[in-house]
Amino acid sequence: PLGVGLAGQVLAAGQPVRLQRYGDVSEPLGADLLEDAVLGCPIDWHGETIGFFGVGANAPRQFNEQDMETLSTFARHAAVAIVNAQLFEREQRRLARATAMTRIGSLMTSSLSLEEVLQTTVDAIHQTLHYNTIDIFLIGENDPESLVLRARSGIDVDIQPGEFSLRCVVGNVGRAAQLRTPIYSPDTSQDPNYIPVPCAE
């Protein structure tokens, strides 16, 4: 947290911190390090702190201005390396997701059977994107005001397709169907519109 330990003090100050004793920070985190000299430096990228460099040394070693400049130089190099690594990871995830979507699309069109298409779709999404629960509801054939669970994957399937349905006007599933727009809920336990599907966490 901000202000706790050397890192917290550096992040709160937004600049390097040099202390003769680690014990002089407002809330030290290590009792065995209290007598160590410490030097902390923020890792900044375009004016935003993205990390922290911290070094310590046993007494009688003390850090000086040259040490602070050296660590600041390391921090500037680290910022470039960190941002480049994060960009690379995001690009890898984007490519993996695009590949997964292409694979799912090809699987979805590999069968003419509706039940096979639906089950293949949820299974592929589960295996590729690792979502905990994937359900597909379709408008009821005999009741256009209902949504019927037709395929499920990702959890122990104790409920079979066709055994659970929702009215088109209730729950997030119903709202999505009624409004014809995606519905996002960051925390279903706090969402008054959420109606739990049986056997789903």
C-alpha atoms as a PDB file:
ATOM      1  CA  PRO A   1       0.000   0.000   0.000  1.00  0.00           C
ATOM      2  CA  LEU A   2       1.017   3.617  -0.568  1.00  0.00           C
ATOM      3  CA  GLY A   3       3.352   4.789   2.189  1.00  0.00           C
ATOM      4  CA  VAL A   4       4.165   1.306   3.514  1.00  0.00           C
ATOM      5  CA  GLY A   5       7.794   0.207   3.431  1.00  0.00           C
ATOM      6  CA  LEU A   6      10.447   1.670   1.162  1.00  0.00           C
ATOM      7  CA  ALA A   7       8.428   1.011  -1.989  1.00  0.00           C
ATOM      8  CA  GLY A   8       5.369   2.705  -0.542  1.00  0.00           C
ATOM      9  CA  GLN A   9       7.423   5.716   0.513  1.00  0.00           C
ATOM     10  CA  VAL A  10       8.988   6.036  -2.941  1.00  0.00           C
ATOM     11  CA  LEU A  11       5.626   5.713  -4.670  1.00  0.00           C
ATOM     12  CA  ALA A  12       4.076   8.288  -2.339  1.00  0.00           C
ATOM     13  CA  ALA A  13       6.952  10.734  -2.923  1.00  0.00           C
ATOM     14  CA  GLY A  14       7.191  10.062  -6.653  1.00  0.00           C
ATOM     15  CA  GLN A  15      10.982  10.372  -6.482  1.00  0.00           C
ATOM     16  CA  PRO A  16      14.054   8.469  -5.228  1.00  0.00           C
ATOM     17  CA  VAL A  17      14.434   7.962  -1.474  1.00  0.00           C
ATOM     18  CA  ARG A  18      17.797   7.418   0.223  1.00  0.00           C
ATOM     19  CA  LEU A  19      17.962   6.465   3.907  1.00  0.00           C
ATOM     20  CA  GLN A  20      20.809   5.528   6.239  1.00  0.00           C
ATOM     21  CA  ARG A  21      18.466   3.124   8.057  1.00  0.00           C
ATOM     22  CA  TYR A  22      15.589   1.152   6.611  1.00  0.00           C
ATOM     23  CA  GLY A  23      14.036   1.465  10.051  1.00  0.00           C
ATOM     24  CA  ASP A  24      13.449   5.156   9.323  1.00  0.00           C
ATOM     25  CA  VAL A  25      10.658   4.459   6.837  1.00  0.00           C
ATOM     26  CA  SER A  26       7.193   5.068   8.227  1.00  0.00           C
ATOM     27  CA  GLU A  27       6.158   1.400   8.198  1.00  0.00           C
ATOM     28  CA  PRO A  28       9.128  -0.957   7.734  1.00  0.00           C
ATOM     29  CA  LEU A  29       8.244  -4.464   6.576  1.00  0.00           C
ATOM     30  CA  GLY A  30      11.306  -6.452   7.630  1.00  0.00           C
ATOM     31  CA  ALA A  31      12.525  -6.401  11.245  1.00  0.00           C
ATOM     32  CA  ASP A  32      15.864  -7.954  10.249  1.00  0.00           C
ATOM     33  CA  LEU A  33      16.569  -5.115   7.790  1.00  0.00           C
ATOM     34  CA  LEU A  34      16.076  -2.137  10.104  1.00  0.00           C
ATOM     35  CA  GLU A  35      19.776  -1.208  10.239  1.00  0.00           C
ATOM     36  CA  ASP A  36      20.399  -1.577   6.500  1.00  0.00           C
ATOM     37  CA  ALA A  37      21.018   1.457   4.317  1.00  0.00           C
ATOM     38  CA  VAL A  38      18.424   1.587   1.554  1.00  0.00           C
ATOM     39  CA  LEU A  39      17.912   3.324  -1.734  1.00  0.00           C
ATOM     40  CA  GLY A  40      14.626   3.288  -3.599  1.00  0.00           C
ATOM     41  CA  CYS A  41      13.808   4.647  -7.027  1.00  0.00           C
ATOM     42  CA  PRO A  42      10.530   4.782  -8.980  1.00  0.00           C
ATOM     43  CA  ILE A  43      10.376   3.215 -12.422  1.00  0.00           C
ATOM     44  CA  ASP A  44       8.564   5.830 -14.503  1.00  0.00           C
ATOM     45  CA  TRP A  45       7.159   5.747 -18.020  1.00  0.00           C
ATOM     46  CA  HIS A  46       5.906   8.982 -19.567  1.00  0.00           C
ATOM     47  CA  GLY A  47       5.242  10.526 -16.189  1.00  0.00           C
ATOM     48  CA  GLU A  48       3.506   7.490 -14.704  1.00  0.00           C
ATOM     49  CA  THR A  49       5.099   5.237 -12.102  1.00  0.00           C
ATOM     50  CA  ILE A  50       4.909   1.607 -13.245  1.00  0.00           C
ATOM     51  CA  GLY A  51       7.283   0.009 -10.761  1.00  0.00           C
ATOM     52  CA  PHE A  52       9.955   0.373  -8.125  1.00  0.00           C
ATOM     53  CA  PHE A  53      13.652  -0.367  -7.726  1.00  0.00           C
ATOM     54  CA  GLY A  54      14.901  -0.988  -4.203  1.00  0.00           C
ATOM     55  CA  VAL A  55      18.403  -1.861  -2.995  1.00  0.00           C
ATOM     56  CA  GLY A  56      19.816  -2.325   0.483  1.00  0.00           C
ATOM     57  CA  ALA A  57      23.229  -2.774   2.047  1.00  0.00           C
ATOM     58  CA  ASN A  58      24.471  -3.857   5.454  1.00  0.00           C
ATOM     59  CA  ALA A  59      26.154  -1.295   7.697  1.00  0.00           C
ATOM     60  CA  PRO A  60      28.615   0.387   7.475  1.00  0.00           C
ATOM     61  CA  ARG A  61      27.896   0.712   3.726  1.00  0.00           C
ATOM     62  CA  GLN A  62      25.993   3.898   2.833  1.00  0.00           C
ATOM     63  CA  PHE A  63      24.604   5.037  -0.505  1.00  0.00           C
ATOM     64  CA  ASN A  64      25.632   8.329  -2.113  1.00  0.00           C
ATOM     65  CA  GLU A  65      24.422  10.571  -4.923  1.00  0.00           C
ATOM     66  CA  GLN A  66      26.316   8.544  -7.509  1.00  0.00           C
ATOM     67  CA  ASP A  67      24.531   5.394  -6.361  1.00  0.00           C
ATOM     68  CA  MET A  68      21.218   7.208  -6.715  1.00  0.00           C
ATOM     69  CA  GLU A  69      22.070   8.321 -10.244  1.00  0.00           C
ATOM     70  CA  THR A  70      23.166   4.794 -11.165  1.00  0.00           C
ATOM     71  CA  LEU A  71      19.910   3.322  -9.876  1.00  0.00           C
ATOM     72  CA  SER A  72      17.925   6.014 -11.705  1.00  0.00           C
ATOM     73  CA  THR A  73      19.703   5.024 -14.912  1.00  0.00           C
ATOM     74  CA  PHE A  74      18.806   1.385 -14.315  1.00  0.00           C
ATOM     75  CA  ALA A  75      15.201   2.455 -13.672  1.00  0.00           C
ATOM     76  CA  ARG A  76      15.009   4.261 -17.019  1.00  0.00           C
ATOM     77  CA  HIS A  77      16.309   1.188 -18.835  1.00  0.00           C
ATOM     78  CA  ALA A  78      13.967  -1.036 -16.835  1.00  0.00           C
ATOM     79  CA  ALA A  79      10.971   1.100 -17.814  1.00  0.00           C
ATOM     80  CA  VAL A  80      11.705   0.581 -21.518  1.00  0.00           C
ATOM     81  CA  ALA A  81      12.217  -3.156 -21.015  1.00  0.00           C
ATOM     82  CA  ILE A  82       9.036  -3.553 -18.943  1.00  0.00           C
ATOM     83  CA  VAL A  83       6.837  -1.639 -21.378  1.00  0.00           C
ATOM     84  CA  ASN A  84       8.266  -3.530 -24.355  1.00  0.00           C
ATOM     85  CA  ALA A  85       7.675  -6.839 -22.579  1.00  0.00           C
ATOM     86  CA  GLN A  86       4.101  -5.858 -21.726  1.00  0.00           C
ATOM     87  CA  LEU A  87       3.424  -4.811 -25.323  1.00  0.00           C
ATOM     88  CA  PHE A  88       4.846  -8.115 -26.536  1.00  0.00           C
ATOM     89  CA  GLU A  89       2.688 -10.087 -24.084  1.00  0.00           C
ATOM     90  CA  ARG A  90      -0.439  -8.181 -25.131  1.00  0.00           C
ATOM     91  CA  GLU A  91       0.316  -8.820 -28.784  1.00  0.00           C
ATOM     92  CA  GLN A  92       0.871 -12.513 -28.086  1.00  0.00           C
ATOM     93  CA  ARG A  93      -2.467 -12.683 -26.257  1.00  0.00           C
ATOM     94  CA  ARG A  94      -4.177 -10.836 -29.118  1.00  0.00           C
ATOM     95  CA  LEU A  95      -2.727 -13.260 -31.677  1.00  0.00           C
ATOM     96  CA  ALA A  96      -3.639 -16.262 -29.538  1.00  0.00           C
ATOM     97  CA  ARG A  97      -7.187 -14.956 -29.174  1.00  0.00           C
ATOM     98  CA  ALA A  98      -7.497 -14.310 -32.913  1.00  0.00           C
ATOM     99  CA  THR A  99      -6.221 -17.821 -33.627  1.00  0.00           C
ATOM    100  CA  ALA A 100      -8.677 -19.228 -31.112  1.00  0.00           C
ATOM    101  CA  MET A 101     -11.596 -17.358 -32.656  1.00  0.00           C
ATOM    102  CA  THR A 102     -10.648 -18.608 -36.116  1.00  0.00           C
ATOM    103  CA  ARG A 103     -10.476 -22.164 -34.781  1.00  0.00           C
ATOM    104  CA  ILE A 104     -13.830 -21.822 -33.045  1.00  0.00           C
ATOM    105  CA  GLY A 105     -15.366 -20.389 -36.208  1.00  0.00           C
ATOM    106  CA  SER A 106     -14.157 -23.304 -38.299  1.00  0.00           C
ATOM    107  CA  LEU A 107     -15.455 -25.804 -35.726  1.00  0.00           C
ATOM    108  CA  MET A 108     -18.845 -24.088 -35.662  1.00  0.00           C
ATOM    109  CA  THR A 109     -19.251 -24.546 -39.413  1.00  0.00           C
ATOM    110  CA  SER A 110     -17.992 -28.130 -39.502  1.00  0.00           C
ATOM    111  CA  SER A 111     -21.414 -29.666 -38.821  1.00  0.00           C
ATOM    112  CA  LEU A 112     -24.948 -29.188 -40.099  1.00  0.00           C
ATOM    113  CA  SER A 113     -26.496 -30.515 -36.891  1.00  0.00           C
ATOM    114  CA  LEU A 114     -27.694 -27.683 -34.634  1.00  0.00           C
ATOM    115  CA  GLU A 115     -26.987 -29.613 -31.435  1.00  0.00           C
ATOM    116  CA  GLU A 116     -23.477 -30.491 -32.613  1.00  0.00           C
ATOM    117  CA  VAL A 117     -22.771 -26.892 -33.633  1.00  0.00           C
ATOM    118  CA  LEU A 118     -23.901 -25.543 -30.253  1.00  0.00           C
ATOM    119  CA  GLN A 119     -22.019 -28.110 -28.170  1.00  0.00           C
ATOM    120  CA  THR A 120     -18.887 -27.853 -30.318  1.00  0.00           C
ATOM    121  CA  THR A 121     -18.990 -24.086 -29.879  1.00  0.00           C
ATOM    122  CA  VAL A 122     -19.169 -24.105 -26.064  1.00  0.00           C
ATOM    123  CA  ASP A 123     -16.563 -26.870 -25.815  1.00  0.00           C
ATOM    124  CA  ALA A 124     -14.156 -25.007 -28.103  1.00  0.00           C
ATOM    125  CA  ILE A 125     -14.614 -21.748 -26.181  1.00  0.00           C
ATOM    126  CA  HIS A 126     -13.989 -23.559 -22.905  1.00  0.00           C
ATOM    127  CA  GLN A 127     -10.887 -25.364 -24.155  1.00  0.00           C
ATOM    128  CA  THR A 128      -9.418 -22.340 -25.923  1.00  0.00           C
ATOM    129  CA  LEU A 129     -10.374 -19.321 -23.821  1.00  0.00           C
ATOM    130  CA  HIS A 130     -10.638 -21.157 -20.456  1.00  0.00           C
ATOM    131  CA  TYR A 131     -13.875 -19.555 -19.277  1.00  0.00           C
ATOM    132  CA  ASN A 132     -15.376 -21.209 -16.200  1.00  0.00           C
ATOM    133  CA  THR A 133     -18.872 -21.502 -17.601  1.00  0.00           C
ATOM    134  CA  ILE A 134     -20.248 -21.222 -21.125  1.00  0.00           C
ATOM    135  CA  ASP A 135     -23.978 -21.477 -21.808  1.00  0.00           C
ATOM    136  CA  ILE A 136     -25.957 -21.030 -25.000  1.00  0.00           C
ATOM    137  CA  PHE A 137     -29.654 -20.192 -24.791  1.00  0.00           C
ATOM    138  CA  LEU A 138     -31.977 -20.111 -27.789  1.00  0.00           C
ATOM    139  CA  ILE A 139     -35.455 -18.696 -28.175  1.00  0.00           C
ATOM    140  CA  GLY A 140     -37.938 -21.461 -27.369  1.00  0.00           C
ATOM    141  CA  GLU A 141     -39.406 -23.177 -30.427  1.00  0.00           C
ATOM    142  CA  ASN A 142     -42.857 -23.425 -28.821  1.00  0.00           C
ATOM    143  CA  ASP A 143     -42.623 -20.302 -26.679  1.00  0.00           C
ATOM    144  CA  PRO A 144     -41.011 -17.223 -28.259  1.00  0.00           C
ATOM    145  CA  GLU A 145     -41.082 -15.510 -24.849  1.00  0.00           C
ATOM    146  CA  SER A 146     -38.655 -18.009 -23.317  1.00  0.00           C
ATOM    147  CA  LEU A 147     -34.956 -18.737 -23.604  1.00  0.00           C
ATOM    148  CA  VAL A 148     -34.006 -22.397 -23.368  1.00  0.00           C
ATOM    149  CA  LEU A 149     -30.573 -23.662 -22.336  1.00  0.00           C
ATOM    150  CA  ARG A 150     -29.352 -25.641 -25.336  1.00  0.00           C
ATOM    151  CA  ALA A 151     -25.618 -26.178 -24.686  1.00  0.00           C
ATOM    152  CA  ARG A 152     -23.249 -25.931 -21.751  1.00  0.00           C
ATOM    153  CA  SER A 153     -19.568 -26.472 -21.066  1.00  0.00           C
ATOM    154  CA  GLY A 154     -16.910 -25.586 -18.541  1.00  0.00           C
ATOM    155  CA  ILE A 155     -18.378 -27.183 -15.424  1.00  0.00           C
ATOM    156  CA  ASP A 156     -19.776 -30.529 -14.306  1.00  0.00           C
ATOM    157  CA  VAL A 157     -22.885 -30.839 -16.407  1.00  0.00           C
ATOM    158  CA  ASP A 158     -25.628 -31.898 -14.008  1.00  0.00           C
ATOM    159  CA  ILE A 159     -28.314 -30.262 -16.106  1.00  0.00           C
ATOM    160  CA  GLN A 160     -29.077 -31.361 -19.627  1.00  0.00           C
ATOM    161  CA  PRO A 161     -29.888 -29.077 -22.558  1.00  0.00           C
ATOM    162  CA  GLY A 162     -33.567 -28.245 -22.599  1.00  0.00           C
ATOM    163  CA  GLU A 163     -34.016 -28.723 -18.830  1.00  0.00           C
ATOM    164  CA  PHE A 164     -33.711 -25.045 -17.895  1.00  0.00           C
ATOM    165  CA  SER A 165     -35.326 -21.958 -19.344  1.00  0.00           C
ATOM    166  CA  LEU A 166     -35.718 -18.252 -18.589  1.00  0.00           C
ATOM    167  CA  ARG A 167     -38.290 -15.695 -19.545  1.00  0.00           C
ATOM    168  CA  CYS A 168     -36.974 -13.278 -22.159  1.00  0.00           C
ATOM    169  CA  VAL A 169     -37.527 -10.321 -19.851  1.00  0.00           C
ATOM    170  CA  VAL A 170     -35.619 -11.496 -16.762  1.00  0.00           C
ATOM    171  CA  GLY A 171     -31.958 -11.880 -15.837  1.00  0.00           C
ATOM    172  CA  ASN A 172     -28.972 -10.746 -17.811  1.00  0.00           C
ATOM    173  CA  VAL A 173     -29.602 -13.420 -20.424  1.00  0.00           C
ATOM    174  CA  GLY A 174     -33.135 -12.157 -20.895  1.00  0.00           C
ATOM    175  CA  ARG A 175     -32.028  -8.534 -20.964  1.00  0.00           C
ATOM    176  CA  ALA A 176     -29.389  -9.303 -23.609  1.00  0.00           C
ATOM    177  CA  ALA A 177     -32.015 -11.031 -25.760  1.00  0.00           C
ATOM    178  CA  GLN A 178     -34.627  -8.329 -25.226  1.00  0.00           C
ATOM    179  CA  LEU A 179     -32.279  -5.373 -25.782  1.00  0.00           C
ATOM    180  CA  ARG A 180     -30.267  -7.194 -28.475  1.00  0.00           C
ATOM    181  CA  THR A 181     -27.028  -5.930 -26.976  1.00  0.00           C
ATOM    182  CA  PRO A 182     -24.210  -7.438 -24.897  1.00  0.00           C
ATOM    183  CA  ILE A 183     -24.711  -7.255 -21.129  1.00  0.00           C
ATOM    184  CA  TYR A 184     -21.609  -7.099 -18.927  1.00  0.00           C
ATOM    185  CA  SER A 185     -21.724  -7.758 -15.200  1.00  0.00           C
ATOM    186  CA  PRO A 186     -18.395  -7.432 -13.331  1.00  0.00           C
ATOM    187  CA  ASP A 187     -19.694  -9.171 -10.194  1.00  0.00           C
ATOM    188  CA  THR A 188     -22.845 -11.258 -10.392  1.00  0.00           C
ATOM    189  CA  SER A 189     -23.054 -11.515  -6.593  1.00  0.00           C
ATOM    190  CA  GLN A 190     -23.739  -7.760  -6.548  1.00  0.00           C
ATOM    191  CA  ASP A 191     -25.955  -7.709  -9.632  1.00  0.00           C
ATOM    192  CA  PRO A 192     -29.707  -7.588  -8.841  1.00  0.00           C
ATOM    193  CA  ASN A 193     -30.510  -8.578 -12.430  1.00  0.00           C
ATOM    194  CA  TYR A 194     -28.505 -11.794 -12.332  1.00  0.00           C
ATOM    195  CA  ILE A 195     -30.415 -15.053 -12.176  1.00  0.00           C
ATOM    196  CA  PRO A 196     -28.122 -18.017 -11.444  1.00  0.00           C
ATOM    197  CA  VAL A 197     -28.228 -20.929 -13.821  1.00  0.00           C
ATOM    198  CA  PRO A 198     -28.407 -24.273 -11.957  1.00  0.00           C
ATOM    199  CA  CYS A 199     -25.028 -25.832 -11.114  1.00  0.00           C
ATOM    200  CA  ALA A 200     -23.099 -22.678 -12.113  1.00  0.00           C
ATOM    201  CA  GLU A 201     -20.821 -21.036  -9.559  1.00  0.00           C
END
